[in-house]
Amino acid sequence: MDLRERAARIKLVVFDVDGVFTDGSLYYGPGGEELKVFNVQDGQGVKRLLAAGIDAAVISGRDSAAVTRRMRDLGITHVFQGDEDKLPVLERLLKKLGLTLEQAAHVGDDLPDLPLFQRVGLAVAPANAMPVIKAASHHVTAAAGGSGAVREVCDLLLTAQGHA
């Protein structure tokens, strides 16, 4: 099955955060608070995705107030943080939504994403992903995480499903 066919079947795209929505850097403020930098073009892509009826979720191994805020701002309601073992979280979400693994895409960059890559209908790695993740993916974006990779995935799905 080619990339466009895979993308046409997707009803839910699940994103990792660090290395996907961000460049993977961790910033700490003077009070120890965690700061993250998000790309506005990625956000526009997510908003267009949701408006087209393609659902989105975040499953992240780290817990961050910045992620909670950004995902709320984007309209992503399925946000799971502090979950290193991502596959059971995805399986519960799919069951709740009445979807199959083949109808799910995952965008990730490192080893915790590998079990999802091996099961979903479309696995996408940003350009800055670890080599093992790139090798397991169906597609590698031209853009790096935090620099348009999320937007690229959103545009791919929208185009494949006739919304572009």
Protein backbone atom coordinates (compact mmCIF):
# COMPACT_ATOMS: atom_id res chain seq x y z
CA MET A 1 0.00 0.00 0.00
CA ASP A 2 1.43 3.39 -0.92
CA LEU A 3 1.67 6.46 1.31
CA ARG A 4 -1.37 8.21 -0.15
CA GLU A 5 -3.57 5.12 0.35
CA ARG A 6 -2.42 4.82 3.96
CA ALA A 7 -3.06 8.52 4.59
CA ALA A 8 -6.54 8.32 3.05
CA ARG A 9 -7.61 5.77 5.69
CA ILE A 10 -6.58 7.77 8.75
CA LYS A 11 -9.30 8.97 11.16
CA LEU A 12 -7.01 9.69 14.13
CA VAL A 13 -3.47 11.03 14.21
CA VAL A 14 -1.52 10.61 17.44
CA PHE A 15 1.43 12.88 18.08
CA ASP A 16 4.35 12.59 20.44
CA VAL A 17 5.39 16.01 21.75
CA ASP A 18 9.13 16.35 22.38
CA GLY A 19 10.94 16.03 19.06
CA VAL A 20 7.65 16.29 17.12
CA PHE A 21 5.74 19.39 18.23
CA THR A 22 9.04 20.73 19.60
CA ASP A 23 12.68 20.38 18.55
CA GLY A 24 13.23 18.14 21.56
CA SER A 25 15.05 20.74 23.63
CA LEU A 26 14.08 21.14 27.28
CA TYR A 27 14.07 24.65 28.72
CA TYR A 28 13.74 25.41 32.43
CA GLY A 29 12.81 28.83 33.79
CA PRO A 30 14.33 30.41 36.89
CA GLY A 31 11.67 28.84 39.10
CA GLY A 32 12.26 25.38 37.64
CA GLU A 33 9.20 25.60 35.39
CA GLU A 34 9.43 23.82 32.06
CA LEU A 35 9.17 25.97 28.94
CA LYS A 36 8.51 24.71 25.40
CA VAL A 37 8.58 26.37 22.00
CA PHE A 38 5.80 25.45 19.56
CA ASN A 39 5.53 26.28 15.85
CA VAL A 40 2.44 28.32 14.85
CA GLN A 41 2.33 26.71 11.40
CA ASP A 42 2.08 23.30 13.08
CA GLY A 43 -0.82 24.68 15.09
CA GLN A 44 -2.59 25.90 11.97
CA GLY A 45 -2.19 22.44 10.45
CA VAL A 46 -3.76 20.80 13.50
CA LYS A 47 -6.69 23.22 13.44
CA ARG A 48 -7.30 22.46 9.74
CA LEU A 49 -7.06 18.73 10.46
CA LEU A 50 -9.68 18.92 13.21
CA ALA A 51 -11.93 21.13 11.07
CA ALA A 52 -11.81 18.45 8.35
CA GLY A 53 -13.05 15.82 10.80
CA ILE A 54 -9.74 14.03 11.35
CA ASP A 55 -9.24 13.59 15.09
CA ALA A 56 -5.96 14.24 16.88
CA ALA A 57 -4.41 13.07 20.12
CA VAL A 58 -1.19 13.46 22.06
CA ILE A 59 0.56 10.68 23.95
CA SER A 60 3.71 11.86 25.67
CA GLY A 61 6.06 10.21 28.12
CA ARG A 62 6.61 13.53 29.86
CA ASP A 63 4.07 15.56 31.83
CA SER A 64 4.05 19.28 31.05
CA ALA A 65 1.73 22.16 31.84
CA ALA A 66 2.92 23.83 28.62
CA VAL A 67 1.67 20.85 26.61
CA THR A 68 -1.68 20.91 28.40
CA ARG A 69 -2.07 24.59 27.54
CA ARG A 70 -0.95 24.31 23.91
CA MET A 71 -3.14 21.31 23.14
CA ARG A 72 -6.14 23.03 24.73
CA ASP A 73 -5.44 26.09 22.56
CA LEU A 74 -5.34 23.86 19.46
CA GLY A 75 -8.54 22.00 20.34
CA ILE A 76 -6.90 18.61 20.93
CA THR A 77 -9.01 16.99 23.64
CA HIS A 78 -7.29 13.58 23.79
CA VAL A 79 -4.14 14.42 25.75
CA PHE A 80 -2.25 11.72 27.65
CA GLN A 81 0.92 12.69 29.48
CA GLY A 82 3.37 10.76 31.64
CA ASP A 83 2.74 7.55 29.69
CA GLU A 84 5.99 5.83 28.65
CA ASP A 85 4.09 2.71 27.51
CA LYS A 86 2.08 4.34 24.74
CA LEU A 87 0.50 1.33 23.01
CA PRO A 88 -2.05 0.50 25.76
CA VAL A 89 -3.05 4.18 25.86
CA LEU A 90 -3.61 4.18 22.10
CA GLU A 91 -5.56 0.92 22.22
CA ARG A 92 -7.90 2.31 24.92
CA LEU A 93 -8.42 5.50 22.91
CA LEU A 94 -9.17 3.59 19.72
CA LYS A 95 -11.70 1.41 21.55
CA LYS A 96 -13.38 4.53 22.99
CA LEU A 97 -13.54 6.12 19.52
CA GLY A 98 -14.60 2.91 17.73
CA LEU A 99 -11.54 2.95 15.46
CA THR A 100 -8.96 0.36 14.41
CA LEU A 101 -5.17 0.55 14.43
CA GLU A 102 -5.26 0.79 10.62
CA GLN A 103 -7.27 4.02 10.95
CA ALA A 104 -4.62 5.56 13.22
CA ALA A 105 -1.43 7.40 12.36
CA HIS A 106 1.38 8.04 14.79
CA VAL A 107 4.06 10.72 14.57
CA GLY A 108 7.04 10.02 16.79
CA ASP A 109 10.79 10.39 16.99
CA ASP A 110 12.30 7.98 19.52
CA LEU A 111 12.20 4.48 21.01
CA PRO A 112 8.99 4.86 23.07
CA ASP A 113 7.19 5.39 19.74
CA LEU A 114 8.41 2.16 18.13
CA PRO A 115 5.61 -0.13 19.42
CA LEU A 116 3.04 2.22 17.89
CA PHE A 117 4.99 2.43 14.63
CA GLN A 118 4.80 -1.36 14.36
CA ARG A 119 1.01 -1.40 14.69
CA VAL A 120 -0.61 1.73 13.20
CA GLY A 121 -1.79 2.23 9.65
CA LEU A 122 0.57 5.14 9.08
CA ALA A 123 3.82 5.75 10.96
CA VAL A 124 5.56 9.08 10.35
CA ALA A 125 8.94 10.23 11.64
CA PRO A 126 10.12 13.83 11.58
CA ALA A 127 13.46 14.51 9.90
CA ASN A 128 15.19 14.69 13.29
CA ALA A 129 13.96 11.25 14.47
CA MET A 130 16.32 8.53 15.62
CA PRO A 131 17.51 6.24 12.79
CA VAL A 132 15.63 3.20 14.13
CA ILE A 133 12.40 5.20 14.06
CA LYS A 134 13.01 6.46 10.54
CA ALA A 135 13.66 2.87 9.43
CA ALA A 136 10.35 1.71 10.95
CA SER A 137 8.29 4.55 9.47
CA HIS A 138 6.14 4.66 6.36
CA HIS A 139 7.21 8.26 5.78
CA VAL A 140 9.88 10.68 6.99
CA THR A 141 9.02 14.37 6.81
CA ALA A 142 11.33 16.89 5.20
CA ALA A 143 10.87 19.16 8.22
CA ALA A 144 12.23 18.51 11.69
CA GLY A 145 10.14 18.40 14.85
CA GLY A 146 9.30 21.91 16.03
CA SER A 147 10.02 23.23 12.53
CA GLY A 148 6.98 22.22 10.52
CA ALA A 149 6.91 18.42 10.75
CA VAL A 150 3.43 18.43 12.31
CA ARG A 151 2.13 20.76 9.59
CA GLU A 152 3.63 18.52 6.93
CA VAL A 153 1.79 15.49 8.35
CA CYS A 154 -1.46 17.42 8.59
CA ASP A 155 -1.14 18.61 4.99
CA LEU A 156 -0.37 15.05 3.83
CA LEU A 157 -3.54 13.73 5.47
CA LEU A 158 -5.70 16.61 4.26
CA THR A 159 -4.48 16.22 0.67
CA ALA A 160 -4.92 12.42 0.69
CA GLN A 161 -8.48 12.85 1.96
CA GLY A 162 -9.43 15.60 -0.50
CA HIS A 163 -9.45 18.51 1.96
CA ALA A 164 -6.45 20.48 0.69
